[in-house]
Amino acid sequence: MKAKKVILLVLLGFLIFWLFSDPTGLANSGESLAADAWDLLISLFEAILDFVRALG
């Protein structure tokens, strides 16, 4: 349990450091991550719909 807290704190520290050292880079990375997640979600739902259609 302690290792999870340490990893979380290190990750949080890295994100805060990145925010102050390169806010534009962090924003661009967040934007591309959100866009990629959205595309993945769309692909997942299309695959589910194709599977359901193939059953019927």
N, C-alpha and C. Protein backbone atom coordinates (compact mmCIF):
# COMPACT_ATOMS: atom_id res chain seq x y z
N MET A 1 0.83 -1.20 0.00
CA MET A 1 0.00 0.00 0.00
C MET A 1 0.87 1.26 0.00
N LYS A 2 1.98 1.21 0.71
CA LYS A 2 2.85 2.37 0.77
C LYS A 2 3.50 2.65 -0.59
N ALA A 3 3.80 1.59 -1.34
CA ALA A 3 4.41 1.76 -2.65
C ALA A 3 3.46 2.50 -3.59
N LYS A 4 2.17 2.23 -3.50
CA LYS A 4 1.20 2.92 -4.35
C LYS A 4 1.19 4.41 -4.05
N LYS A 5 1.27 4.75 -2.78
CA LYS A 5 1.28 6.17 -2.39
C LYS A 5 2.53 6.86 -2.89
N VAL A 6 3.66 6.19 -2.79
CA VAL A 6 4.93 6.76 -3.25
C VAL A 6 4.88 6.99 -4.76
N ILE A 7 4.40 6.00 -5.50
CA ILE A 7 4.30 6.13 -6.96
C ILE A 7 3.34 7.26 -7.32
N LEU A 8 2.23 7.37 -6.63
CA LEU A 8 1.27 8.44 -6.88
C LEU A 8 1.88 9.80 -6.60
N LEU A 9 2.62 9.93 -5.51
CA LEU A 9 3.27 11.20 -5.18
C LEU A 9 4.33 11.57 -6.21
N VAL A 10 5.11 10.58 -6.66
CA VAL A 10 6.14 10.85 -7.68
C VAL A 10 5.47 11.30 -8.98
N LEU A 11 4.41 10.63 -9.36
CA LEU A 11 3.69 11.00 -10.58
C LEU A 11 3.09 12.40 -10.47
N LEU A 12 2.49 12.69 -9.33
CA LEU A 12 1.93 14.01 -9.10
C LEU A 12 3.01 15.09 -9.12
N GLY A 13 4.14 14.79 -8.50
CA GLY A 13 5.26 15.74 -8.51
C GLY A 13 5.76 16.00 -9.92
N PHE A 14 5.84 14.93 -10.73
CA PHE A 14 6.28 15.10 -12.12
C PHE A 14 5.30 15.98 -12.89
N LEU A 15 3.99 15.75 -12.71
CA LEU A 15 3.00 16.56 -13.42
C LEU A 15 3.06 18.02 -12.99
N ILE A 16 3.25 18.28 -11.72
CA ILE A 16 3.36 19.66 -11.24
C ILE A 16 4.63 20.30 -11.80
N PHE A 17 5.74 19.57 -11.80
CA PHE A 17 6.97 20.09 -12.38
C PHE A 17 6.77 20.41 -13.86
N TRP A 18 6.12 19.51 -14.59
CA TRP A 18 5.87 19.71 -16.02
C TRP A 18 4.96 20.92 -16.23
N LEU A 19 3.99 21.11 -15.36
CA LEU A 19 3.07 22.23 -15.47
C LEU A 19 3.82 23.55 -15.37
N PHE A 20 4.76 23.64 -14.44
CA PHE A 20 5.49 24.89 -14.26
C PHE A 20 6.63 25.07 -15.25
N SER A 21 7.24 23.99 -15.72
CA SER A 21 8.37 24.11 -16.63
C SER A 21 7.95 24.23 -18.09
N ASP A 22 6.86 23.57 -18.48
CA ASP A 22 6.42 23.59 -19.88
C ASP A 22 4.90 23.46 -19.95
N PRO A 23 4.17 24.52 -19.59
CA PRO A 23 2.70 24.41 -19.57
C PRO A 23 2.09 24.16 -20.95
N THR A 24 2.70 24.70 -21.99
CA THR A 24 2.17 24.47 -23.34
C THR A 24 2.33 23.02 -23.75
N GLY A 25 3.47 22.44 -23.43
CA GLY A 25 3.69 21.03 -23.75
C GLY A 25 2.73 20.12 -23.02
N LEU A 26 2.45 20.44 -21.75
CA LEU A 26 1.49 19.66 -20.98
C LEU A 26 0.10 19.79 -21.58
N ALA A 27 -0.27 20.99 -21.96
CA ALA A 27 -1.59 21.21 -22.56
C ALA A 27 -1.72 20.46 -23.88
N ASN A 28 -0.69 20.52 -24.70
CA ASN A 28 -0.72 19.81 -25.99
C ASN A 28 -0.80 18.30 -25.78
N SER A 29 -0.07 17.79 -24.80
CA SER A 29 -0.11 16.36 -24.52
C SER A 29 -1.49 15.94 -24.01
N GLY A 30 -2.07 16.76 -23.15
CA GLY A 30 -3.41 16.47 -22.65
C GLY A 30 -4.45 16.49 -23.76
N GLU A 31 -4.30 17.45 -24.66
CA GLU A 31 -5.24 17.56 -25.77
C GLU A 31 -5.14 16.35 -26.70
N SER A 32 -3.91 15.93 -27.02
CA SER A 32 -3.76 14.77 -27.90
C SER A 32 -4.20 13.49 -27.20
N LEU A 33 -3.97 13.39 -25.89
CA LEU A 33 -4.43 12.22 -25.14
C LEU A 33 -5.96 12.14 -25.15
N ALA A 34 -6.62 13.27 -24.96
CA ALA A 34 -8.09 13.28 -24.98
C ALA A 34 -8.62 12.93 -26.36
N ALA A 35 -7.98 13.45 -27.41
CA ALA A 35 -8.42 13.14 -28.77
C ALA A 35 -8.23 11.65 -29.08
N ASP A 36 -7.09 11.10 -28.67
CA ASP A 36 -6.85 9.67 -28.91
C ASP A 36 -7.81 8.80 -28.12
N ALA A 37 -8.12 9.20 -26.89
CA ALA A 37 -9.08 8.44 -26.08
C ALA A 37 -10.46 8.48 -26.72
N TRP A 38 -10.85 9.64 -27.27
CA TRP A 38 -12.14 9.77 -27.93
C TRP A 38 -12.20 8.87 -29.16
N ASP A 39 -11.14 8.88 -29.97
CA ASP A 39 -11.10 8.02 -31.15
C ASP A 39 -11.17 6.54 -30.77
N LEU A 40 -10.49 6.16 -29.69
CA LEU A 40 -10.53 4.79 -29.22
C LEU A 40 -11.93 4.41 -28.76
N LEU A 41 -12.60 5.31 -28.08
CA LEU A 41 -13.96 5.06 -27.61
C LEU A 41 -14.92 4.90 -28.78
N ILE A 42 -14.78 5.73 -29.81
CA ILE A 42 -15.61 5.61 -31.00
C ILE A 42 -15.38 4.27 -31.68
N SER A 43 -14.12 3.86 -31.80
CA SER A 43 -13.81 2.57 -32.42
C SER A 43 -14.40 1.41 -31.62
N LEU A 44 -14.34 1.52 -30.30
CA LEU A 44 -14.90 0.48 -29.44
C LEU A 44 -16.40 0.35 -29.65
N PHE A 45 -17.12 1.47 -29.65
CA PHE A 45 -18.57 1.42 -29.85
C PHE A 45 -18.94 0.94 -31.24
N GLU A 46 -18.17 1.31 -32.25
CA GLU A 46 -18.43 0.81 -33.60
C GLU A 46 -18.23 -0.70 -33.66
N ALA A 47 -17.20 -1.20 -32.98
CA ALA A 47 -16.95 -2.64 -32.97
C ALA A 47 -18.09 -3.37 -32.25
N ILE A 48 -18.57 -2.81 -31.15
CA ILE A 48 -19.69 -3.41 -30.43
C ILE A 48 -20.93 -3.43 -31.31
N LEU A 49 -21.21 -2.33 -31.99
CA LEU A 49 -22.37 -2.27 -32.88
C LEU A 49 -22.25 -3.28 -34.02
N ASP A 50 -21.06 -3.41 -34.61
CA ASP A 50 -20.86 -4.39 -35.67
C ASP A 50 -21.09 -5.81 -35.15
N PHE A 51 -20.64 -6.09 -33.94
CA PHE A 51 -20.83 -7.41 -33.36
C PHE A 51 -22.30 -7.69 -33.13
N VAL A 52 -23.02 -6.73 -32.59
CA VAL A 52 -24.46 -6.91 -32.34
C VAL A 52 -25.21 -7.08 -33.64
N ARG A 53 -24.85 -6.31 -34.65
CA ARG A 53 -25.50 -6.44 -35.96
C ARG A 53 -25.24 -7.81 -36.58
N ALA A 54 -24.03 -8.33 -36.36
CA ALA A 54 -23.68 -9.65 -36.93
C ALA A 54 -24.47 -10.77 -36.25
N LEU A 55 -24.87 -10.55 -35.03
CA LEU A 55 -25.66 -11.57 -34.32
C LEU A 55 -27.08 -11.67 -34.87
N GLY A 56 -27.60 -10.53 -35.35
CA GLY A 56 -28.99 -10.50 -35.78
C GLY A 56 -29.18 -10.78 -37.18
